[in-house]
Amino acid sequence: MARASVSSVPQSVPRTTPDTRTDALGPIPHPEGVSNEEFRAALARLASGVVLVTAHEPPLSATGPRGEDAGMTATAFMSVSLDPPLVLVSVRNGSRMDDLLLEQPLWAASLLSESQRHVAGRFAMKGRISDRLLFEDIPYRRGEVSGALLIGGSLAVLECRTEQRIEAGDHTLVIGRVLTAELPSAEGGPLMYFKGRYRQLGS
């Protein structure tokens, strides 16, 4: 009987299964169908402390107008590292504070107490008046290291220097090294933010 000839040239076989070695290196897409409303509603269930971030915009020249102080209410604020001491705050891209911290590496964070709800609400308003007017009736002192305003009656105040900026979607994560930390007030509990409202522990 004649033997069937076997070609020594391998035949091309179409690939029907994904090559996991290369596919695994590709980006993982964000799940589709998550609306802004669903995202906000879910994250509103995460209770957060409330912080007033402040920075001082220095004058453009020695003979020009004096520098301005700016403040921003933040609930996306957290400890990052103990050694070195680092904290992180999330700042909306294009906001005044984002523009200021891009130029000014020194800033401060006042961890607000439950009695300072009016401070948080004031600096969270959209289309608000000049920050200079907002600070007028609030007790504060100027930080010796940062030059930023430290709010009186806060549970703690930190002076920081920006170490790193990370763009993340429509916000920038500003990581700062803590240069000073003080506890000006031991009274009361923290101001919290939960389900779209300022609250205190137990409420």
C-alpha atoms as a PDB file:
ATOM      1  CA  MET A   1       0.000   0.000   0.000  1.00  0.00           C
ATOM      2  CA  ALA A   2       1.140   3.498  -0.757  1.00  0.00           C
ATOM      3  CA  ARG A   3       2.030   5.466   2.332  1.00  0.00           C
ATOM      4  CA  ALA A   4       0.491   8.889   2.779  1.00  0.00           C
ATOM      5  CA  SER A   5       3.020  11.629   2.475  1.00  0.00           C
ATOM      6  CA  VAL A   6       3.447  13.956   5.425  1.00  0.00           C
ATOM      7  CA  SER A   7       4.535  17.501   4.734  1.00  0.00           C
ATOM      8  CA  SER A   8       7.390  18.774   6.849  1.00  0.00           C
ATOM      9  CA  VAL A   9       6.081  22.344   6.535  1.00  0.00           C
ATOM     10  CA  PRO A  10       3.746  23.186   9.445  1.00  0.00           C
ATOM     11  CA  GLN A  11       0.292  24.290   8.423  1.00  0.00           C
ATOM     12  CA  SER A  12      -1.091  27.643   9.520  1.00  0.00           C
ATOM     13  CA  VAL A  13      -3.836  27.147  12.111  1.00  0.00           C
ATOM     14  CA  PRO A  14      -6.171  30.064  12.797  1.00  0.00           C
ATOM     15  CA  ARG A  15      -6.099  31.222  16.423  1.00  0.00           C
ATOM     16  CA  THR A  16      -9.530  30.775  17.939  1.00  0.00           C
ATOM     17  CA  THR A  17      -8.674  31.402  21.583  1.00  0.00           C
ATOM     18  CA  PRO A  18      -7.281  34.662  23.008  1.00  0.00           C
ATOM     19  CA  ASP A  19      -3.606  34.874  23.738  1.00  0.00           C
ATOM     20  CA  THR A  20      -3.747  35.497  27.466  1.00  0.00           C
ATOM     21  CA  ARG A  21      -0.080  36.405  27.517  1.00  0.00           C
ATOM     22  CA  THR A  22      -0.756  39.580  25.536  1.00  0.00           C
ATOM     23  CA  ASP A  23      -4.384  40.193  26.451  1.00  0.00           C
ATOM     24  CA  ALA A  24      -3.502  40.267  30.141  1.00  0.00           C
ATOM     25  CA  LEU A  25      -1.256  43.255  29.515  1.00  0.00           C
ATOM     26  CA  GLY A  26      -4.059  45.383  28.083  1.00  0.00           C
ATOM     27  CA  PRO A  27      -6.043  47.905  30.135  1.00  0.00           C
ATOM     28  CA  ILE A  28      -9.079  46.735  32.059  1.00  0.00           C
ATOM     29  CA  PRO A  29     -12.044  48.853  30.956  1.00  0.00           C
ATOM     30  CA  HIS A  30     -14.226  50.630  33.485  1.00  0.00           C
ATOM     31  CA  PRO A  31     -17.606  48.845  33.751  1.00  0.00           C
ATOM     32  CA  GLU A  32     -20.118  50.477  31.475  1.00  0.00           C
ATOM     33  CA  GLY A  33     -23.493  51.676  32.687  1.00  0.00           C
ATOM     34  CA  VAL A  34     -22.436  53.366  35.947  1.00  0.00           C
ATOM     35  CA  SER A  35     -24.096  56.771  35.879  1.00  0.00           C
ATOM     36  CA  ASN A  36     -22.924  59.841  37.772  1.00  0.00           C
ATOM     37  CA  GLU A  37     -26.007  59.583  39.990  1.00  0.00           C
ATOM     38  CA  GLU A  38     -25.326  55.941  40.859  1.00  0.00           C
ATOM     39  CA  PHE A  39     -21.693  56.685  41.590  1.00  0.00           C
ATOM     40  CA  ARG A  40     -22.546  59.649  43.842  1.00  0.00           C
ATOM     41  CA  ALA A  41     -25.274  57.710  45.671  1.00  0.00           C
ATOM     42  CA  ALA A  42     -22.936  54.807  46.402  1.00  0.00           C
ATOM     43  CA  LEU A  43     -20.012  56.928  47.616  1.00  0.00           C
ATOM     44  CA  ALA A  44     -22.338  59.127  49.685  1.00  0.00           C
ATOM     45  CA  ARG A  45     -22.595  56.125  52.024  1.00  0.00           C
ATOM     46  CA  LEU A  46     -18.922  56.530  52.880  1.00  0.00           C
ATOM     47  CA  ALA A  47     -18.644  58.794  55.919  1.00  0.00           C
ATOM     48  CA  SER A  48     -15.763  61.279  55.706  1.00  0.00           C
ATOM     49  CA  GLY A  49     -14.105  63.783  57.956  1.00  0.00           C
ATOM     50  CA  VAL A  50     -14.235  67.417  56.853  1.00  0.00           C
ATOM     51  CA  VAL A  51     -11.119  69.531  56.359  1.00  0.00           C
ATOM     52  CA  LEU A  52     -10.557  73.152  55.362  1.00  0.00           C
ATOM     53  CA  VAL A  53      -7.537  73.360  53.061  1.00  0.00           C
ATOM     54  CA  THR A  54      -5.922  76.800  52.939  1.00  0.00           C
ATOM     55  CA  ALA A  55      -3.056  78.375  51.030  1.00  0.00           C
ATOM     56  CA  HIS A  56      -1.611  81.853  50.640  1.00  0.00           C
ATOM     57  CA  GLU A  57      -1.071  83.355  47.228  1.00  0.00           C
ATOM     58  CA  PRO A  58       2.019  85.561  47.543  1.00  0.00           C
ATOM     59  CA  PRO A  59       2.054  89.053  46.008  1.00  0.00           C
ATOM     60  CA  LEU A  60       3.339  89.331  42.458  1.00  0.00           C
ATOM     61  CA  SER A  61       5.816  92.001  43.510  1.00  0.00           C
ATOM     62  CA  ALA A  62       7.033  93.760  46.619  1.00  0.00           C
ATOM     63  CA  THR A  63       5.260  96.958  45.593  1.00  0.00           C
ATOM     64  CA  GLY A  64       2.125  95.366  44.158  1.00  0.00           C
ATOM     65  CA  PRO A  65      -1.155  94.310  45.816  1.00  0.00           C
ATOM     66  CA  ARG A  66      -0.872  92.088  48.867  1.00  0.00           C
ATOM     67  CA  GLY A  67      -1.247  88.344  48.474  1.00  0.00           C
ATOM     68  CA  GLU A  68      -4.603  86.613  48.874  1.00  0.00           C
ATOM     69  CA  ASP A  69      -5.681  83.732  51.112  1.00  0.00           C
ATOM     70  CA  ALA A  70      -7.785  80.908  49.677  1.00  0.00           C
ATOM     71  CA  GLY A  71      -9.791  78.161  51.326  1.00  0.00           C
ATOM     72  CA  MET A  72     -11.489  74.973  50.143  1.00  0.00           C
ATOM     73  CA  THR A  73     -13.681  72.487  51.980  1.00  0.00           C
ATOM     74  CA  ALA A  74     -12.474  68.938  51.398  1.00  0.00           C
ATOM     75  CA  THR A  75     -13.914  65.569  52.348  1.00  0.00           C
ATOM     76  CA  ALA A  76     -11.453  63.546  50.235  1.00  0.00           C
ATOM     77  CA  PHE A  77      -8.543  63.868  52.668  1.00  0.00           C
ATOM     78  CA  MET A  78      -6.523  61.036  54.152  1.00  0.00           C
ATOM     79  CA  SER A  79      -3.305  59.921  55.787  1.00  0.00           C
ATOM     80  CA  VAL A  80      -0.902  58.256  53.339  1.00  0.00           C
ATOM     81  CA  SER A  81       2.319  57.477  55.199  1.00  0.00           C
ATOM     82  CA  LEU A  82       3.872  57.667  58.654  1.00  0.00           C
ATOM     83  CA  ASP A  83       7.512  57.680  57.561  1.00  0.00           C
ATOM     84  CA  PRO A  84       7.706  60.184  56.025  1.00  0.00           C
ATOM     85  CA  PRO A  85       4.485  61.804  57.284  1.00  0.00           C
ATOM     86  CA  LEU A  86       2.312  62.280  54.191  1.00  0.00           C
ATOM     87  CA  VAL A  87      -1.309  63.256  53.623  1.00  0.00           C
ATOM     88  CA  LEU A  88      -3.411  63.458  50.478  1.00  0.00           C
ATOM     89  CA  VAL A  89      -6.182  65.790  49.364  1.00  0.00           C
ATOM     90  CA  SER A  90      -8.211  65.538  46.161  1.00  0.00           C
ATOM     91  CA  VAL A  91      -8.676  68.870  44.349  1.00  0.00           C
ATOM     92  CA  ARG A  92     -10.999  69.523  41.407  1.00  0.00           C
ATOM     93  CA  ASN A  93      -9.111  70.327  38.220  1.00  0.00           C
ATOM     94  CA  GLY A  94      -9.374  73.964  37.187  1.00  0.00           C
ATOM     95  CA  SER A  95     -10.561  75.150  40.604  1.00  0.00           C
ATOM     96  CA  ARG A  96      -8.924  78.118  42.270  1.00  0.00           C
ATOM     97  CA  MET A  97      -7.235  75.869  44.818  1.00  0.00           C
ATOM     98  CA  ASP A  98      -5.929  73.592  42.075  1.00  0.00           C
ATOM     99  CA  ASP A  99      -4.429  76.572  40.235  1.00  0.00           C
ATOM    100  CA  LEU A 100      -2.958  77.963  43.452  1.00  0.00           C
ATOM    101  CA  LEU A 101      -1.399  74.681  44.621  1.00  0.00           C
ATOM    102  CA  LEU A 102       0.147  74.245  41.192  1.00  0.00           C
ATOM    103  CA  GLU A 103       2.225  77.356  41.916  1.00  0.00           C
ATOM    104  CA  GLN A 104       2.333  77.358  45.726  1.00  0.00           C
ATOM    105  CA  PRO A 105       3.838  74.208  47.292  1.00  0.00           C
ATOM    106  CA  LEU A 106       3.019  75.247  50.886  1.00  0.00           C
ATOM    107  CA  TRP A 107      -0.501  74.798  52.271  1.00  0.00           C
ATOM    108  CA  ALA A 108      -2.380  73.835  55.407  1.00  0.00           C
ATOM    109  CA  ALA A 109      -5.266  71.642  56.508  1.00  0.00           C
ATOM    110  CA  SER A 110      -7.526  72.356  59.479  1.00  0.00           C
ATOM    111  CA  LEU A 111      -9.472  69.299  60.655  1.00  0.00           C
ATOM    112  CA  LEU A 112     -12.846  70.801  61.504  1.00  0.00           C
ATOM    113  CA  SER A 113     -14.808  70.088  64.672  1.00  0.00           C
ATOM    114  CA  GLU A 114     -18.543  69.425  64.869  1.00  0.00           C
ATOM    115  CA  SER A 115     -19.133  73.069  65.864  1.00  0.00           C
ATOM    116  CA  GLN A 116     -17.602  74.362  62.612  1.00  0.00           C
ATOM    117  CA  ARG A 117     -20.310  73.294  60.190  1.00  0.00           C
ATOM    118  CA  HIS A 118     -20.739  76.915  59.093  1.00  0.00           C
ATOM    119  CA  VAL A 119     -17.069  77.085  58.100  1.00  0.00           C
ATOM    120  CA  ALA A 120     -17.353  73.978  55.939  1.00  0.00           C
ATOM    121  CA  GLY A 121     -20.535  75.182  54.258  1.00  0.00           C
ATOM    122  CA  ARG A 122     -19.144  78.626  53.596  1.00  0.00           C
ATOM    123  CA  PHE A 123     -16.088  77.419  51.694  1.00  0.00           C
ATOM    124  CA  ALA A 124     -18.023  74.754  49.777  1.00  0.00           C
ATOM    125  CA  MET A 125     -20.435  77.226  48.147  1.00  0.00           C
ATOM    126  CA  LYS A 126     -20.382  77.600  44.377  1.00  0.00           C
ATOM    127  CA  GLY A 127     -20.137  81.133  43.029  1.00  0.00           C
ATOM    128  CA  ARG A 128     -19.190  82.403  46.459  1.00  0.00           C
ATOM    129  CA  ILE A 129     -17.864  85.836  47.279  1.00  0.00           C
ATOM    130  CA  SER A 130     -14.207  86.694  47.786  1.00  0.00           C
ATOM    131  CA  ASP A 131     -12.379  84.347  50.135  1.00  0.00           C
ATOM    132  CA  ARG A 132     -11.004  87.406  51.927  1.00  0.00           C
ATOM    133  CA  LEU A 133     -14.529  88.274  53.070  1.00  0.00           C
ATOM    134  CA  LEU A 134     -15.282  84.672  54.041  1.00  0.00           C
ATOM    135  CA  PHE A 135     -12.355  84.634  56.468  1.00  0.00           C
ATOM    136  CA  GLU A 136     -13.307  87.933  58.150  1.00  0.00           C
ATOM    137  CA  ASP A 137     -15.320  86.588  61.101  1.00  0.00           C
ATOM    138  CA  ILE A 138     -13.495  83.271  61.510  1.00  0.00           C
ATOM    139  CA  PRO A 139     -10.762  83.003  64.176  1.00  0.00           C
ATOM    140  CA  TYR A 140      -7.440  82.014  62.651  1.00  0.00           C
ATOM    141  CA  ARG A 141      -3.710  82.531  62.798  1.00  0.00           C
ATOM    142  CA  ARG A 142      -1.139  82.347  60.058  1.00  0.00           C
ATOM    143  CA  GLY A 143       1.107  79.305  59.976  1.00  0.00           C
ATOM    144  CA  GLU A 144       4.761  80.137  60.594  1.00  0.00           C
ATOM    145  CA  VAL A 145       5.990  77.584  58.046  1.00  0.00           C
ATOM    146  CA  SER A 146       3.361  77.655  55.295  1.00  0.00           C
ATOM    147  CA  GLY A 147       1.981  81.174  55.638  1.00  0.00           C
ATOM    148  CA  ALA A 148      -1.486  79.612  55.226  1.00  0.00           C
ATOM    149  CA  LEU A 149      -4.348  80.323  57.616  1.00  0.00           C
ATOM    150  CA  LEU A 150      -4.920  77.856  60.475  1.00  0.00           C
ATOM    151  CA  ILE A 151      -8.528  77.854  61.659  1.00  0.00           C
ATOM    152  CA  GLY A 152      -9.083  78.381  65.376  1.00  0.00           C
ATOM    153  CA  GLY A 153     -11.147  75.744  67.192  1.00  0.00           C
ATOM    154  CA  SER A 154     -10.142  72.955  64.788  1.00  0.00           C
ATOM    155  CA  LEU A 155      -9.357  69.529  66.221  1.00  0.00           C
ATOM    156  CA  ALA A 156      -5.949  69.566  64.531  1.00  0.00           C
ATOM    157  CA  VAL A 157      -4.012  71.760  62.108  1.00  0.00           C
ATOM    158  CA  LEU A 158      -1.314  70.593  59.698  1.00  0.00           C
ATOM    159  CA  GLU A 159       1.146  72.579  57.619  1.00  0.00           C
ATOM    160  CA  CYS A 160       2.250  70.779  54.471  1.00  0.00           C
ATOM    161  CA  ARG A 161       4.525  70.959  51.459  1.00  0.00           C
ATOM    162  CA  THR A 162       3.470  69.338  48.193  1.00  0.00           C
ATOM    163  CA  GLU A 163       5.585  66.288  47.362  1.00  0.00           C
ATOM    164  CA  GLN A 164       3.632  64.924  44.402  1.00  0.00           C
ATOM    165  CA  ARG A 165       0.664  65.698  42.146  1.00  0.00           C
ATOM    166  CA  ILE A 166      -1.221  62.883  40.426  1.00  0.00           C
ATOM    167  CA  GLU A 167      -3.929  63.619  37.858  1.00  0.00           C
ATOM    168  CA  ALA A 168      -6.896  61.280  38.304  1.00  0.00           C
ATOM    169  CA  GLY A 169      -9.923  61.906  36.101  1.00  0.00           C
ATOM    170  CA  ASP A 170     -11.404  65.336  36.789  1.00  0.00           C
ATOM    171  CA  HIS A 171      -9.397  65.751  40.017  1.00  0.00           C
ATOM    172  CA  THR A 172      -5.753  65.986  41.044  1.00  0.00           C
ATOM    173  CA  LEU A 173      -4.432  64.108  44.069  1.00  0.00           C
ATOM    174  CA  VAL A 174      -2.077  66.388  45.967  1.00  0.00           C
ATOM    175  CA  ILE A 175       0.264  64.516  48.306  1.00  0.00           C
ATOM    176  CA  GLY A 176       1.874  66.700  50.937  1.00  0.00           C
ATOM    177  CA  ARG A 177       4.590  66.155  53.515  1.00  0.00           C
ATOM    178  CA  VAL A 178       3.410  67.259  56.952  1.00  0.00           C
ATOM    179  CA  LEU A 179       5.831  69.879  58.285  1.00  0.00           C
ATOM    180  CA  THR A 180       3.991  70.763  61.506  1.00  0.00           C
ATOM    181  CA  ALA A 181       1.079  69.224  63.395  1.00  0.00           C
ATOM    182  CA  GLU A 182      -0.753  70.814  66.317  1.00  0.00           C
ATOM    183  CA  LEU A 183      -3.851  70.058  68.397  1.00  0.00           C
ATOM    184  CA  PRO A 184      -5.347  73.474  69.198  1.00  0.00           C
ATOM    185  CA  SER A 185      -8.633  72.086  70.533  1.00  0.00           C
ATOM    186  CA  ALA A 186      -9.351  68.930  72.495  1.00  0.00           C
ATOM    187  CA  GLU A 187     -13.048  69.677  72.837  1.00  0.00           C
ATOM    188  CA  GLY A 188     -15.866  68.146  70.812  1.00  0.00           C
ATOM    189  CA  GLY A 189     -15.956  65.565  68.073  1.00  0.00           C
ATOM    190  CA  PRO A 190     -15.164  65.698  64.364  1.00  0.00           C
ATOM    191  CA  LEU A 191     -17.361  67.205  61.686  1.00  0.00           C
ATOM    192  CA  MET A 192     -18.495  64.413  59.363  1.00  0.00           C
ATOM    193  CA  TYR A 193     -19.991  64.308  55.862  1.00  0.00           C
ATOM    194  CA  PHE A 194     -22.487  61.522  55.124  1.00  0.00           C
ATOM    195  CA  LYS A 195     -25.313  61.169  52.589  1.00  0.00           C
ATOM    196  CA  GLY A 196     -24.758  64.701  51.325  1.00  0.00           C
ATOM    197  CA  ARG A 197     -25.020  66.377  54.735  1.00  0.00           C
ATOM    198  CA  TYR A 198     -22.660  67.600  57.443  1.00  0.00           C
ATOM    199  CA  ARG A 199     -23.136  65.553  60.603  1.00  0.00           C
ATOM    200  CA  GLN A 200     -21.560  64.792  63.941  1.00  0.00           C
ATOM    201  CA  LEU A 201     -20.817  61.442  65.505  1.00  0.00           C
ATOM    202  CA  GLY A 202     -23.996  59.724  66.640  1.00  0.00           C
ATOM    203  CA  SER A 203     -26.333  61.812  64.431  1.00  0.00           C
END
